[in-house]
C-alpha atoms as a PDB file:
ATOM      1  CA  MET A   1       0.000   0.000   0.000  1.00  0.00           C
ATOM      2  CA  LYS A   2       0.923   3.626  -0.384  1.00  0.00           C
ATOM      3  CA  PHE A   3      -0.099   5.840   2.514  1.00  0.00           C
ATOM      4  CA  GLY A   4      -0.658   9.573   2.544  1.00  0.00           C
ATOM      5  CA  VAL A   5      -0.542  11.658   5.711  1.00  0.00           C
ATOM      6  CA  LEU A   6      -1.397  15.284   6.485  1.00  0.00           C
ATOM      7  CA  THR A   7      -1.696  17.535   9.534  1.00  0.00           C
ATOM      8  CA  GLY A   8      -4.460  20.138   9.413  1.00  0.00           C
ATOM      9  CA  GLY A   9      -5.732  22.990  11.561  1.00  0.00           C
ATOM     10  CA  GLY A  10      -3.838  24.610  14.414  1.00  0.00           C
ATOM     11  CA  ASP A  11      -0.549  23.005  15.352  1.00  0.00           C
ATOM     12  CA  CYS A  12       0.025  21.464  18.757  1.00  0.00           C
ATOM     13  CA  PRO A  13       2.601  19.290  20.539  1.00  0.00           C
ATOM     14  CA  GLY A  14       2.406  15.678  19.382  1.00  0.00           C
ATOM     15  CA  LEU A  15       1.963  16.100  15.639  1.00  0.00           C
ATOM     16  CA  ASN A  16       5.490  14.988  14.809  1.00  0.00           C
ATOM     17  CA  PRO A  17       5.267  11.862  17.004  1.00  0.00           C
ATOM     18  CA  ALA A  18       2.025  10.989  15.195  1.00  0.00           C
ATOM     19  CA  ILE A  19       3.634  11.455  11.772  1.00  0.00           C
ATOM     20  CA  ARG A  20       6.572   9.330  12.900  1.00  0.00           C
ATOM     21  CA  ALA A  21       4.232   6.584  14.079  1.00  0.00           C
ATOM     22  CA  VAL A  22       2.373   6.511  10.755  1.00  0.00           C
ATOM     23  CA  VAL A  23       5.595   6.254   8.753  1.00  0.00           C
ATOM     24  CA  ARG A  24       7.175   3.614  10.954  1.00  0.00           C
ATOM     25  CA  ARG A  25       4.033   1.476  11.261  1.00  0.00           C
ATOM     26  CA  ALA A  26       3.551   1.560   7.507  1.00  0.00           C
ATOM     27  CA  ALA A  27       7.214   0.699   6.921  1.00  0.00           C
ATOM     28  CA  GLN A  28       6.975  -2.156   9.404  1.00  0.00           C
ATOM     29  CA  HIS A  29       4.497  -3.792   7.020  1.00  0.00           C
ATOM     30  CA  GLY A  30       6.479  -2.915   3.903  1.00  0.00           C
ATOM     31  CA  HIS A  31       4.489   0.129   2.804  1.00  0.00           C
ATOM     32  CA  GLU A  32       5.590   3.640   1.802  1.00  0.00           C
ATOM     33  CA  THR A  33       4.276   7.008   2.979  1.00  0.00           C
ATOM     34  CA  LEU A  34       3.827  10.328   1.202  1.00  0.00           C
ATOM     35  CA  GLY A  35       3.416  13.459   3.316  1.00  0.00           C
ATOM     36  CA  PHE A  36       1.106  16.205   2.047  1.00  0.00           C
ATOM     37  CA  LEU A  37       2.213  19.716   2.973  1.00  0.00           C
ATOM     38  CA  ASP A  38       0.206  22.341   4.843  1.00  0.00           C
ATOM     39  CA  GLY A  39      -2.820  20.225   5.609  1.00  0.00           C
ATOM     40  CA  TRP A  40      -5.615  19.897   3.066  1.00  0.00           C
ATOM     41  CA  LYS A  41      -3.935  22.605   1.004  1.00  0.00           C
ATOM     42  CA  GLY A  42      -1.291  20.039   0.061  1.00  0.00           C
ATOM     43  CA  LEU A  43      -3.923  17.708  -1.353  1.00  0.00           C
ATOM     44  CA  ARG A  44      -5.728  20.502  -3.132  1.00  0.00           C
ATOM     45  CA  ASP A  45      -2.569  21.993  -4.687  1.00  0.00           C
ATOM     46  CA  ASP A  46      -0.590  18.725  -5.004  1.00  0.00           C
ATOM     47  CA  LEU A  47       2.211  19.648  -2.592  1.00  0.00           C
ATOM     48  CA  SER A  48       3.952  16.645  -1.054  1.00  0.00           C
ATOM     49  CA  ARG A  49       7.204  15.003   0.031  1.00  0.00           C
ATOM     50  CA  PRO A  50       8.144  11.355   0.495  1.00  0.00           C
ATOM     51  CA  LEU A  51       8.609  10.312   4.113  1.00  0.00           C
ATOM     52  CA  SER A  52      11.232   7.650   4.771  1.00  0.00           C
ATOM     53  CA  LEU A  53      12.462   6.291   8.088  1.00  0.00           C
ATOM     54  CA  PRO A  54      15.449   8.691   8.160  1.00  0.00           C
ATOM     55  CA  ASP A  55      13.043  11.616   7.615  1.00  0.00           C
ATOM     56  CA  VAL A  56      11.241  10.863  10.864  1.00  0.00           C
ATOM     57  CA  ALA A  57      14.151   9.485  12.896  1.00  0.00           C
ATOM     58  CA  GLU A  58      14.612  12.569  15.084  1.00  0.00           C
ATOM     59  CA  ILE A  59      11.232  14.280  15.105  1.00  0.00           C
ATOM     60  CA  LEU A  60       9.742  12.587  18.189  1.00  0.00           C
ATOM     61  CA  PRO A  61      10.695  15.406  20.622  1.00  0.00           C
ATOM     62  CA  ARG A  62       9.979  18.269  18.233  1.00  0.00           C
ATOM     63  CA  GLY A  63       6.989  20.568  18.504  1.00  0.00           C
ATOM     64  CA  GLY A  64       4.972  21.708  15.511  1.00  0.00           C
ATOM     65  CA  THR A  65       4.772  19.583  12.379  1.00  0.00           C
ATOM     66  CA  ILE A  66       7.393  18.868   9.741  1.00  0.00           C
ATOM     67  CA  LEU A  67       4.610  18.758   7.156  1.00  0.00           C
ATOM     68  CA  GLY A  68       3.240  22.194   7.936  1.00  0.00           C
ATOM     69  CA  SER A  69      -0.425  22.958   8.528  1.00  0.00           C
ATOM     70  CA  SER A  70      -3.202  25.307   7.465  1.00  0.00           C
ATOM     71  CA  ARG A  71      -6.895  25.915   8.052  1.00  0.00           C
ATOM     72  CA  THR A  72      -7.754  25.129   4.432  1.00  0.00           C
ATOM     73  CA  ASN A  73     -11.263  23.807   3.807  1.00  0.00           C
ATOM     74  CA  PRO A  74     -10.872  21.488   0.788  1.00  0.00           C
ATOM     75  CA  PHE A  75     -14.601  21.183   0.224  1.00  0.00           C
ATOM     76  CA  ALA A  76     -15.547  24.859   0.380  1.00  0.00           C
ATOM     77  CA  LYS A  77     -15.620  24.840  -3.433  1.00  0.00           C
ATOM     78  CA  GLU A  78     -16.511  21.949  -5.719  1.00  0.00           C
ATOM     79  CA  ASP A  79     -13.460  22.584  -7.900  1.00  0.00           C
ATOM     80  CA  ASP A  80     -11.221  22.225  -4.828  1.00  0.00           C
ATOM     81  CA  ALA A  81     -12.894  18.919  -3.968  1.00  0.00           C
ATOM     82  CA  LYS A  82     -12.212  17.620  -7.469  1.00  0.00           C
ATOM     83  CA  GLN A  83      -8.567  18.626  -7.175  1.00  0.00           C
ATOM     84  CA  VAL A  84      -8.244  16.733  -3.874  1.00  0.00           C
ATOM     85  CA  LEU A  85      -9.610  13.557  -5.430  1.00  0.00           C
ATOM     86  CA  ALA A  86      -7.388  14.036  -8.475  1.00  0.00           C
ATOM     87  CA  THR A  87      -4.274  14.372  -6.298  1.00  0.00           C
ATOM     88  CA  ILE A  88      -5.098  11.177  -4.442  1.00  0.00           C
ATOM     89  CA  ALA A  89      -5.587   9.338  -7.741  1.00  0.00           C
ATOM     90  CA  ARG A  90      -2.445  10.834  -9.304  1.00  0.00           C
ATOM     91  CA  HIS A  91      -0.244   9.603  -6.456  1.00  0.00           C
ATOM     92  CA  ARG A  92      -2.115   6.315  -6.165  1.00  0.00           C
ATOM     93  CA  ILE A  93      -2.771   6.748  -2.458  1.00  0.00           C
ATOM     94  CA  ASP A  94      -4.309   3.605  -0.998  1.00  0.00           C
ATOM     95  CA  GLY A  95      -5.026   5.118   2.401  1.00  0.00           C
ATOM     96  CA  LEU A  96      -4.907   8.700   3.715  1.00  0.00           C
ATOM     97  CA  VAL A  97      -4.271   9.458   7.390  1.00  0.00           C
ATOM     98  CA  ALA A  98      -5.746  12.848   8.310  1.00  0.00           C
ATOM     99  CA  ILE A  99      -4.395  14.168  11.614  1.00  0.00           C
ATOM    100  CA  GLY A 100      -6.372  17.060  13.048  1.00  0.00           C
ATOM    101  CA  GLY A 101      -9.232  18.415  15.080  1.00  0.00           C
ATOM    102  CA  ASP A 102     -12.935  18.793  14.366  1.00  0.00           C
ATOM    103  CA  ASP A 103     -12.540  20.713  11.090  1.00  0.00           C
ATOM    104  CA  THR A 104      -9.864  18.402   9.679  1.00  0.00           C
ATOM    105  CA  LEU A 105     -11.864  15.321  10.635  1.00  0.00           C
ATOM    106  CA  SER A 106     -15.034  16.851   9.175  1.00  0.00           C
ATOM    107  CA  ALA A 107     -13.172  17.245   5.878  1.00  0.00           C
ATOM    108  CA  ALA A 108     -12.005  13.632   6.193  1.00  0.00           C
ATOM    109  CA  ARG A 109     -15.604  12.542   6.661  1.00  0.00           C
ATOM    110  CA  GLU A 110     -16.622  14.412   3.505  1.00  0.00           C
ATOM    111  CA  LEU A 111     -13.766  12.796   1.603  1.00  0.00           C
ATOM    112  CA  HIS A 112     -14.927   9.372   2.800  1.00  0.00           C
ATOM    113  CA  ARG A 113     -18.470  10.160   1.655  1.00  0.00           C
ATOM    114  CA  ARG A 114     -17.030  10.910  -1.794  1.00  0.00           C
ATOM    115  CA  GLY A 115     -15.311   7.557  -1.944  1.00  0.00           C
ATOM    116  CA  GLY A 116     -11.922   8.497  -0.501  1.00  0.00           C
ATOM    117  CA  LYS A 117     -10.082   5.895   1.572  1.00  0.00           C
ATOM    118  CA  VAL A 118      -9.271   7.900   4.699  1.00  0.00           C
ATOM    119  CA  VAL A 119      -8.789   7.332   8.428  1.00  0.00           C
ATOM    120  CA  GLY A 120      -8.451   9.968  11.126  1.00  0.00           C
ATOM    121  CA  VAL A 121      -6.270  10.787  14.099  1.00  0.00           C
ATOM    122  CA  PRO A 122      -7.731  13.308  16.580  1.00  0.00           C
ATOM    123  CA  LYS A 123      -5.481  16.096  17.769  1.00  0.00           C
ATOM    124  CA  THR A 124      -6.257  19.411  19.361  1.00  0.00           C
ATOM    125  CA  MET A 125      -4.993  21.290  22.361  1.00  0.00           C
ATOM    126  CA  ASP A 126      -8.667  22.124  23.056  1.00  0.00           C
ATOM    127  CA  ASN A 127      -9.495  18.451  23.834  1.00  0.00           C
ATOM    128  CA  ASP A 128     -12.945  18.932  22.295  1.00  0.00           C
ATOM    129  CA  VAL A 129     -13.119  16.044  19.792  1.00  0.00           C
ATOM    130  CA  ALA A 130     -15.974  13.696  20.646  1.00  0.00           C
ATOM    131  CA  GLY A 131     -15.463   9.979  21.088  1.00  0.00           C
ATOM    132  CA  THR A 132     -11.981  10.068  22.578  1.00  0.00           C
ATOM    133  CA  ASP A 133     -11.055  10.460  26.225  1.00  0.00           C
ATOM    134  CA  TRP A 134      -8.144  12.780  25.421  1.00  0.00           C
ATOM    135  CA  THR A 135      -6.592  14.375  22.376  1.00  0.00           C
ATOM    136  CA  PHE A 136      -2.846  14.784  22.155  1.00  0.00           C
ATOM    137  CA  GLY A 137      -1.639  18.349  22.443  1.00  0.00           C
ATOM    138  CA  PHE A 138      -3.952  19.118  25.365  1.00  0.00           C
ATOM    139  CA  HIS A 139      -1.693  17.999  28.189  1.00  0.00           C
ATOM    140  CA  SER A 140       1.407  19.736  26.849  1.00  0.00           C
ATOM    141  CA  ALA A 141      -0.415  22.985  26.061  1.00  0.00           C
ATOM    142  CA  THR A 142      -2.145  23.080  29.429  1.00  0.00           C
ATOM    143  CA  ALA A 143       1.169  22.508  31.210  1.00  0.00           C
ATOM    144  CA  VAL A 144       2.424  25.696  29.528  1.00  0.00           C
ATOM    145  CA  ALA A 145      -0.666  27.577  30.704  1.00  0.00           C
ATOM    146  CA  VAL A 146      -0.246  26.323  34.283  1.00  0.00           C
ATOM    147  CA  ASP A 147       3.387  27.433  34.240  1.00  0.00           C
ATOM    148  CA  ALA A 148       2.263  30.879  33.076  1.00  0.00           C
ATOM    149  CA  LEU A 149      -0.307  31.073  35.875  1.00  0.00           C
ATOM    150  CA  GLU A 150       2.307  30.179  38.470  1.00  0.00           C
ATOM    151  CA  ARG A 151       4.567  32.936  37.165  1.00  0.00           C
ATOM    152  CA  LEU A 152       1.695  35.409  37.271  1.00  0.00           C
ATOM    153  CA  ARG A 153       1.086  34.395  40.877  1.00  0.00           C
ATOM    154  CA  ASP A 154       4.519  35.728  41.779  1.00  0.00           C
ATOM    155  CA  THR A 155       3.958  39.156  40.261  1.00  0.00           C
ATOM    156  CA  ALA A 156       0.343  39.379  41.435  1.00  0.00           C
ATOM    157  CA  GLY A 157       1.452  38.734  45.005  1.00  0.00           C
ATOM    158  CA  SER A 158       4.331  41.193  44.760  1.00  0.00           C
ATOM    159  CA  HIS A 159       2.124  44.048  43.550  1.00  0.00           C
ATOM    160  CA  HIS A 160      -1.157  43.110  45.261  1.00  0.00           C
ATOM    161  CA  ARG A 161      -3.034  42.901  41.993  1.00  0.00           C
ATOM    162  CA  ALA A 162      -5.637  40.798  40.287  1.00  0.00           C
ATOM    163  CA  ILE A 163      -4.389  39.220  37.077  1.00  0.00           C
ATOM    164  CA  VAL A 164      -6.471  37.598  34.344  1.00  0.00           C
ATOM    165  CA  LEU A 165      -4.842  34.875  32.247  1.00  0.00           C
ATOM    166  CA  GLU A 166      -6.576  34.322  28.900  1.00  0.00           C
ATOM    167  CA  VAL A 167      -6.117  30.838  27.439  1.00  0.00           C
ATOM    168  CA  MET A 168      -7.330  29.150  24.267  1.00  0.00           C
ATOM    169  CA  GLY A 169     -10.682  27.404  23.981  1.00  0.00           C
ATOM    170  CA  ARG A 170     -13.448  28.363  21.554  1.00  0.00           C
ATOM    171  CA  HIS A 171     -16.503  26.298  22.504  1.00  0.00           C
ATOM    172  CA  ALA A 172     -14.966  24.004  25.122  1.00  0.00           C
ATOM    173  CA  GLY A 173     -13.216  25.177  28.253  1.00  0.00           C
ATOM    174  CA  TRP A 174     -10.973  22.178  28.905  1.00  0.00           C
ATOM    175  CA  VAL A 175      -7.761  24.224  28.825  1.00  0.00           C
ATOM    176  CA  ALA A 176      -9.157  26.902  31.131  1.00  0.00           C
ATOM    177  CA  MET A 177     -10.693  24.331  33.470  1.00  0.00           C
ATOM    178  CA  ALA A 178      -7.488  22.315  33.784  1.00  0.00           C
ATOM    179  CA  THR A 179      -5.334  25.423  34.138  1.00  0.00           C
ATOM    180  CA  GLY A 180      -7.534  26.869  36.849  1.00  0.00           C
ATOM    181  CA  LEU A 181      -7.805  23.560  38.672  1.00  0.00           C
ATOM    182  CA  ALA A 182      -4.106  22.655  38.532  1.00  0.00           C
ATOM    183  CA  GLY A 183      -2.894  26.216  39.039  1.00  0.00           C
ATOM    184  CA  GLY A 184      -5.180  27.147  41.918  1.00  0.00           C
ATOM    185  CA  ALA A 185      -7.022  30.036  40.247  1.00  0.00           C
ATOM    186  CA  ASP A 186      -9.514  31.990  42.341  1.00  0.00           C
ATOM    187  CA  ALA A 187     -12.024  32.025  39.484  1.00  0.00           C
ATOM    188  CA  THR A 188     -12.168  30.221  36.152  1.00  0.00           C
ATOM    189  CA  LEU A 189     -14.390  31.330  33.276  1.00  0.00           C
ATOM    190  CA  VAL A 190     -15.373  28.716  30.678  1.00  0.00           C
ATOM    191  CA  PRO A 191     -17.766  28.774  27.690  1.00  0.00           C
ATOM    192  CA  GLU A 192     -19.900  26.006  29.221  1.00  0.00           C
ATOM    193  CA  GLU A 193     -21.210  28.380  31.904  1.00  0.00           C
ATOM    194  CA  PRO A 194     -22.923  31.776  31.578  1.00  0.00           C
ATOM    195  CA  TYR A 195     -20.647  34.663  32.465  1.00  0.00           C
ATOM    196  CA  ASP A 196     -21.572  35.792  36.000  1.00  0.00           C
ATOM    197  CA  GLU A 197     -19.830  39.070  36.691  1.00  0.00           C
ATOM    198  CA  GLU A 198     -21.167  39.476  40.213  1.00  0.00           C
ATOM    199  CA  ALA A 199     -19.864  36.060  41.245  1.00  0.00           C
ATOM    200  CA  LEU A 200     -16.520  36.823  39.614  1.00  0.00           C
ATOM    201  CA  LEU A 201     -16.175  40.070  41.532  1.00  0.00           C
ATOM    202  CA  ARG A 202     -16.986  38.306  44.809  1.00  0.00           C
ATOM    203  CA  HIS A 203     -14.260  35.733  44.177  1.00  0.00           C
ATOM    204  CA  VAL A 204     -11.734  38.449  43.330  1.00  0.00           C
ATOM    205  CA  GLN A 205     -12.530  40.581  46.349  1.00  0.00           C
ATOM    206  CA  HIS A 206     -12.460  37.580  48.667  1.00  0.00           C
ATOM    207  CA  ALA A 207      -9.051  36.497  47.381  1.00  0.00           C
ATOM    208  CA  VAL A 208      -7.553  39.980  47.594  1.00  0.00           C
ATOM    209  CA  THR A 209      -8.887  40.419  51.127  1.00  0.00           C
ATOM    210  CA  ALA A 210      -7.584  37.014  52.209  1.00  0.00           C
ATOM    211  CA  ARG A 211      -4.066  37.175  50.755  1.00  0.00           C
ATOM    212  CA  GLY A 212      -3.614  40.381  48.800  1.00  0.00           C
ATOM    213  CA  TYR A 213      -3.997  39.193  45.187  1.00  0.00           C
ATOM    214  CA  ALA A 214      -6.260  37.222  42.858  1.00  0.00           C
ATOM    215  CA  LEU A 215      -5.766  34.995  39.817  1.00  0.00           C
ATOM    216  CA  ILE A 216      -8.442  34.511  37.175  1.00  0.00           C
ATOM    217  CA  VAL A 217      -8.321  32.145  34.192  1.00  0.00           C
ATOM    218  CA  ALA A 218     -10.552  33.011  31.237  1.00  0.00           C
ATOM    219  CA  SER A 219     -11.202  30.927  28.142  1.00  0.00           C
ATOM    220  CA  GLU A 220     -11.035  33.020  24.965  1.00  0.00           C
ATOM    221  CA  GLY A 221     -14.447  31.732  23.904  1.00  0.00           C
ATOM    222  CA  ILE A 222     -16.559  32.982  26.826  1.00  0.00           C
ATOM    223  CA  ASP A 223     -19.523  35.197  26.027  1.00  0.00           C
ATOM    224  CA  LEU A 224     -19.197  38.502  27.870  1.00  0.00           C
ATOM    225  CA  GLY A 225     -22.344  39.963  26.372  1.00  0.00           C
ATOM    226  CA  PRO A 226     -22.285  43.596  25.195  1.00  0.00           C
ATOM    227  CA  ARG A 227     -18.734  44.900  25.321  1.00  0.00           C
ATOM    228  CA  ARG A 228     -16.169  47.037  23.615  1.00  0.00           C
ATOM    229  CA  GLY A 229     -14.491  45.906  20.409  1.00  0.00           C
ATOM    230  CA  ALA A 230     -15.671  44.241  17.227  1.00  0.00           C
ATOM    231  CA  ALA A 231     -15.736  40.585  16.325  1.00  0.00           C
ATOM    232  CA  GLY A 232     -12.629  39.228  14.673  1.00  0.00           C
ATOM    233  CA  ALA A 233     -12.083  37.940  11.163  1.00  0.00           C
ATOM    234  CA  LYS A 234     -13.034  34.353  10.243  1.00  0.00           C
ATOM    235  CA  ASP A 235     -11.132  31.373   8.874  1.00  0.00           C
ATOM    236  CA  GLU A 236     -12.175  29.141   5.942  1.00  0.00           C
ATOM    237  CA  PHE A 237     -14.395  27.042   8.195  1.00  0.00           C
ATOM    238  CA  GLY A 238     -16.301  30.140   9.342  1.00  0.00           C
ATOM    239  CA  HIS A 239     -14.758  30.350  12.815  1.00  0.00           C
ATOM    240  CA  GLU A 240     -14.062  33.749  14.332  1.00  0.00           C
ATOM    241  CA  LEU A 241     -10.389  34.375  15.101  1.00  0.00           C
ATOM    242  CA  LEU A 242     -10.835  34.752  18.828  1.00  0.00           C
ATOM    243  CA  GLY A 243      -7.472  36.332  19.614  1.00  0.00           C
ATOM    244  CA  GLU A 244      -8.853  39.611  18.311  1.00  0.00           C
ATOM    245  CA  ARG A 245     -11.664  39.641  20.879  1.00  0.00           C
ATOM    246  CA  GLN A 246      -9.254  40.456  23.742  1.00  0.00           C
ATOM    247  CA  VAL A 247     -11.383  38.671  26.342  1.00  0.00           C
ATOM    248  CA  GLY A 248      -8.715  38.859  29.055  1.00  0.00           C
ATOM    249  CA  VAL A 249      -8.275  42.595  28.569  1.00  0.00           C
ATOM    250  CA  GLU A 250     -12.021  43.161  28.832  1.00  0.00           C
ATOM    251  CA  VAL A 251     -12.435  41.024  31.969  1.00  0.00           C
ATOM    252  CA  ALA A 252      -9.530  42.852  33.628  1.00  0.00           C
ATOM    253  CA  ARG A 253     -11.060  46.214  32.712  1.00  0.00           C
ATOM    254  CA  ARG A 254     -14.381  45.261  34.255  1.00  0.00           C
ATOM    255  CA  ILE A 255     -12.789  43.972  37.456  1.00  0.00           C
ATOM    256  CA  GLU A 256     -10.779  47.138  37.995  1.00  0.00           C
ATOM    257  CA  LYS A 257     -13.707  49.404  37.135  1.00  0.00           C
ATOM    258  CA  ARG A 258     -16.108  47.637  39.486  1.00  0.00           C
ATOM    259  CA  THR A 259     -13.776  46.937  42.421  1.00  0.00           C
ATOM    260  CA  GLY A 260     -11.010  49.518  42.242  1.00  0.00           C
ATOM    261  CA  ILE A 261      -8.478  46.680  42.508  1.00  0.00           C
ATOM    262  CA  GLU A 262      -5.507  47.163  40.190  1.00  0.00           C
ATOM    263  CA  THR A 263      -5.942  44.484  37.538  1.00  0.00           C
ATOM    264  CA  ARG A 264      -3.788  43.310  34.666  1.00  0.00           C
ATOM    265  CA  SER A 265      -4.253  40.708  31.947  1.00  0.00           C
ATOM    266  CA  ALA A 266      -1.983  38.303  30.079  1.00  0.00           C
ATOM    267  CA  GLN A 267      -2.680  36.432  26.849  1.00  0.00           C
ATOM    268  CA  ILE A 268      -0.218  33.629  26.143  1.00  0.00           C
ATOM    269  CA  GLY A 269      -1.924  32.781  22.846  1.00  0.00           C
ATOM    270  CA  HIS A 270       0.133  30.649  20.505  1.00  0.00           C
ATOM    271  CA  ILE A 271       2.830  30.041  23.121  1.00  0.00           C
ATOM    272  CA  GLN A 272       0.516  27.238  24.265  1.00  0.00           C
ATOM    273  CA  ARG A 273       0.845  25.522  20.893  1.00  0.00           C
ATOM    274  CA  GLY A 274       4.636  25.381  20.683  1.00  0.00           C
ATOM    275  CA  GLY A 275       7.379  23.412  22.348  1.00  0.00           C
ATOM    276  CA  ALA A 276       8.202  19.774  22.801  1.00  0.00           C
ATOM    277  CA  PRO A 277       5.339  17.377  23.545  1.00  0.00           C
ATOM    278  CA  GLU A 278       5.282  16.028  27.078  1.00  0.00           C
ATOM    279  CA  LEU A 279       5.317  12.338  27.990  1.00  0.00           C
ATOM    280  CA  PHE A 280       1.560  11.715  27.788  1.00  0.00           C
ATOM    281  CA  ASP A 281       1.202  13.407  24.412  1.00  0.00           C
ATOM    282  CA  ARG A 282       4.215  11.642  22.909  1.00  0.00           C
ATOM    283  CA  ILE A 283       2.817   8.244  23.838  1.00  0.00           C
ATOM    284  CA  LEU A 284      -0.792   9.042  22.920  1.00  0.00           C
ATOM    285  CA  ALA A 285       0.188  10.485  19.516  1.00  0.00           C
ATOM    286  CA  THR A 286       2.362   7.444  18.854  1.00  0.00           C
ATOM    287  CA  ARG A 287      -0.404   4.999  19.756  1.00  0.00           C
ATOM    288  CA  LEU A 288      -3.058   6.767  17.693  1.00  0.00           C
ATOM    289  CA  GLY A 289      -0.816   7.253  14.652  1.00  0.00           C
ATOM    290  CA  ALA A 290       0.152   3.575  14.606  1.00  0.00           C
ATOM    291  CA  TYR A 291      -3.432   2.445  15.137  1.00  0.00           C
ATOM    292  CA  ALA A 292      -4.661   4.608  12.269  1.00  0.00           C
ATOM    293  CA  VAL A 293      -2.386   2.623   9.960  1.00  0.00           C
ATOM    294  CA  ASP A 294      -3.772  -0.587  11.468  1.00  0.00           C
ATOM    295  CA  LEU A 295      -7.310   0.604  10.676  1.00  0.00           C
ATOM    296  CA  ALA A 296      -6.350   1.261   7.067  1.00  0.00           C
ATOM    297  CA  LEU A 297      -4.614  -2.104   6.714  1.00  0.00           C
ATOM    298  CA  ALA A 298      -7.774  -3.757   7.999  1.00  0.00           C
ATOM    299  CA  GLY A 299      -9.857  -1.861   5.440  1.00  0.00           C
ATOM    300  CA  ARG A 300     -11.655   0.131   8.132  1.00  0.00           C
ATOM    301  CA  PHE A 301     -11.748   3.398   6.235  1.00  0.00           C
ATOM    302  CA  GLY A 302     -14.025   6.160   7.464  1.00  0.00           C
ATOM    303  CA  GLU A 303     -12.931   5.543  11.050  1.00  0.00           C
ATOM    304  CA  VAL A 304     -10.819   7.526  13.484  1.00  0.00           C
ATOM    305  CA  ALA A 305      -8.387   6.174  16.077  1.00  0.00           C
ATOM    306  CA  VAL A 306      -9.381   7.191  19.612  1.00  0.00           C
ATOM    307  CA  LEU A 307      -8.472   6.557  23.232  1.00  0.00           C
ATOM    308  CA  ARG A 308     -11.119   4.764  25.270  1.00  0.00           C
ATOM    309  CA  GLY A 309      -9.952   4.114  28.809  1.00  0.00           C
ATOM    310  CA  PRO A 310      -6.581   2.337  28.597  1.00  0.00           C
ATOM    311  CA  ALA A 311      -7.110   1.092  25.039  1.00  0.00           C
ATOM    312  CA  VAL A 312      -7.114   2.589  21.553  1.00  0.00           C
ATOM    313  CA  ALA A 313     -10.019   1.827  19.260  1.00  0.00           C
ATOM    314  CA  GLY A 314     -11.599   2.835  15.992  1.00  0.00           C
ATOM    315  CA  ILE A 315     -14.923   4.684  15.770  1.00  0.00           C
ATOM    316  CA  PRO A 316     -16.800   6.097  12.747  1.00  0.00           C
ATOM    317  CA  LEU A 317     -15.852   9.614  11.694  1.00  0.00           C
ATOM    318  CA  ASP A 318     -19.536  10.506  12.082  1.00  0.00           C
ATOM    319  CA  GLU A 319     -19.268   9.776  15.792  1.00  0.00           C
ATOM    320  CA  ALA A 320     -16.093  11.824  16.199  1.00  0.00           C
ATOM    321  CA  VAL A 321     -17.412  14.962  14.507  1.00  0.00           C
ATOM    322  CA  GLY A 322     -21.123  14.595  15.186  1.00  0.00           C
ATOM    323  CA  ALA A 323     -20.973  16.423  18.517  1.00  0.00           C
ATOM    324  CA  ARG A 324     -18.465  18.579  20.353  1.00  0.00           C
ATOM    325  CA  LYS A 325     -17.008  17.359  23.651  1.00  0.00           C
ATOM    326  CA  VAL A 326     -17.384  20.036  26.308  1.00  0.00           C
ATOM    327  CA  VAL A 327     -16.486  20.247  29.981  1.00  0.00           C
ATOM    328  CA  THR A 328     -18.989  18.138  31.895  1.00  0.00           C
ATOM    329  CA  PRO A 329     -20.827  19.090  35.115  1.00  0.00           C
ATOM    330  CA  ASP A 330     -18.729  16.773  37.286  1.00  0.00           C
ATOM    331  CA  TRP A 331     -15.556  18.600  36.231  1.00  0.00           C
ATOM    332  CA  LEU A 332     -17.207  21.977  36.779  1.00  0.00           C
ATOM    333  CA  ASP A 333     -18.363  20.918  40.246  1.00  0.00           C
ATOM    334  CA  LEU A 334     -14.809  19.901  41.142  1.00  0.00           C
ATOM    335  CA  LEU A 335     -13.443  23.143  39.704  1.00  0.00           C
ATOM    336  CA  HIS A 336     -15.779  25.328  41.780  1.00  0.00           C
ATOM    337  CA  THR A 337     -14.838  23.475  44.950  1.00  0.00           C
ATOM    338  CA  PHE A 338     -11.651  25.528  44.850  1.00  0.00           C
ATOM    339  CA  ASP A 339     -13.011  28.962  43.920  1.00  0.00           C
ATOM    340  CA  ALA A 340     -12.017  31.751  46.302  1.00  0.00           C
END
């Protein structure tokens, strides 16, 4: 067989280990692998590079992706869809491994519906892909956010301030929840709950009274209601570019205006995406990448490799992209146990 592999959407730690696993698992069975560059754009525009064992020998600890990525929607136009299918036929790809989040896997599902032989590997630092317990990239990215919160604790305590840390998370607040829980935030704002400014102010005032400073974690996707600033631009999948919303800045402004407490904000943005993958993500990406090849070898196209408990398994792409995985009430209950 001849395998194709691509990485689409936002980058995150673990992509290179997943690529490595695909190439090595395919080679173990005597098959070759072609890497498509910059996500679905590579299939649309026929941009690729062969991937041999030496090409992936040293990429396990590297962040990012050696194949590049983009937020290209290959099925936004019918002509683009035809070009994708033509590229697959031209290179005689017997099985395509699409590594990405909800948008990338949605495109993979559409390709499967059009007769393409494709399997998926879920990745996203947001951890919001349905059907899998965890996505690789989440643990490494959240560790960066927790480190940032700990550093902000030092300066908040030194200057007796409240500080708001804005982290990534469009519709699901997994990164914010885990950062607030592991970093001991006094309040954590996630998209799964309505924004309650009065409760937020109580938490901030209580923390400042008790120890002289407060730490707040805010997911970039929370709905603050009427506020300053316009909505951001959108990507090819129709998603607003949330970094332009400046949620952390706005929350800090409201806290200072309402309480008189000096408040600052920090947005670590794409810093969360970079850097070497941590242990959990290296192993998870490796397991899922290898299993995706196993699915293809078994003829189980239209499935995605996922983590279910201690085991990896294959589920239909429809199940993976049919619903978004959000922070559940049990996690939120635990999180609020530790509010100020």
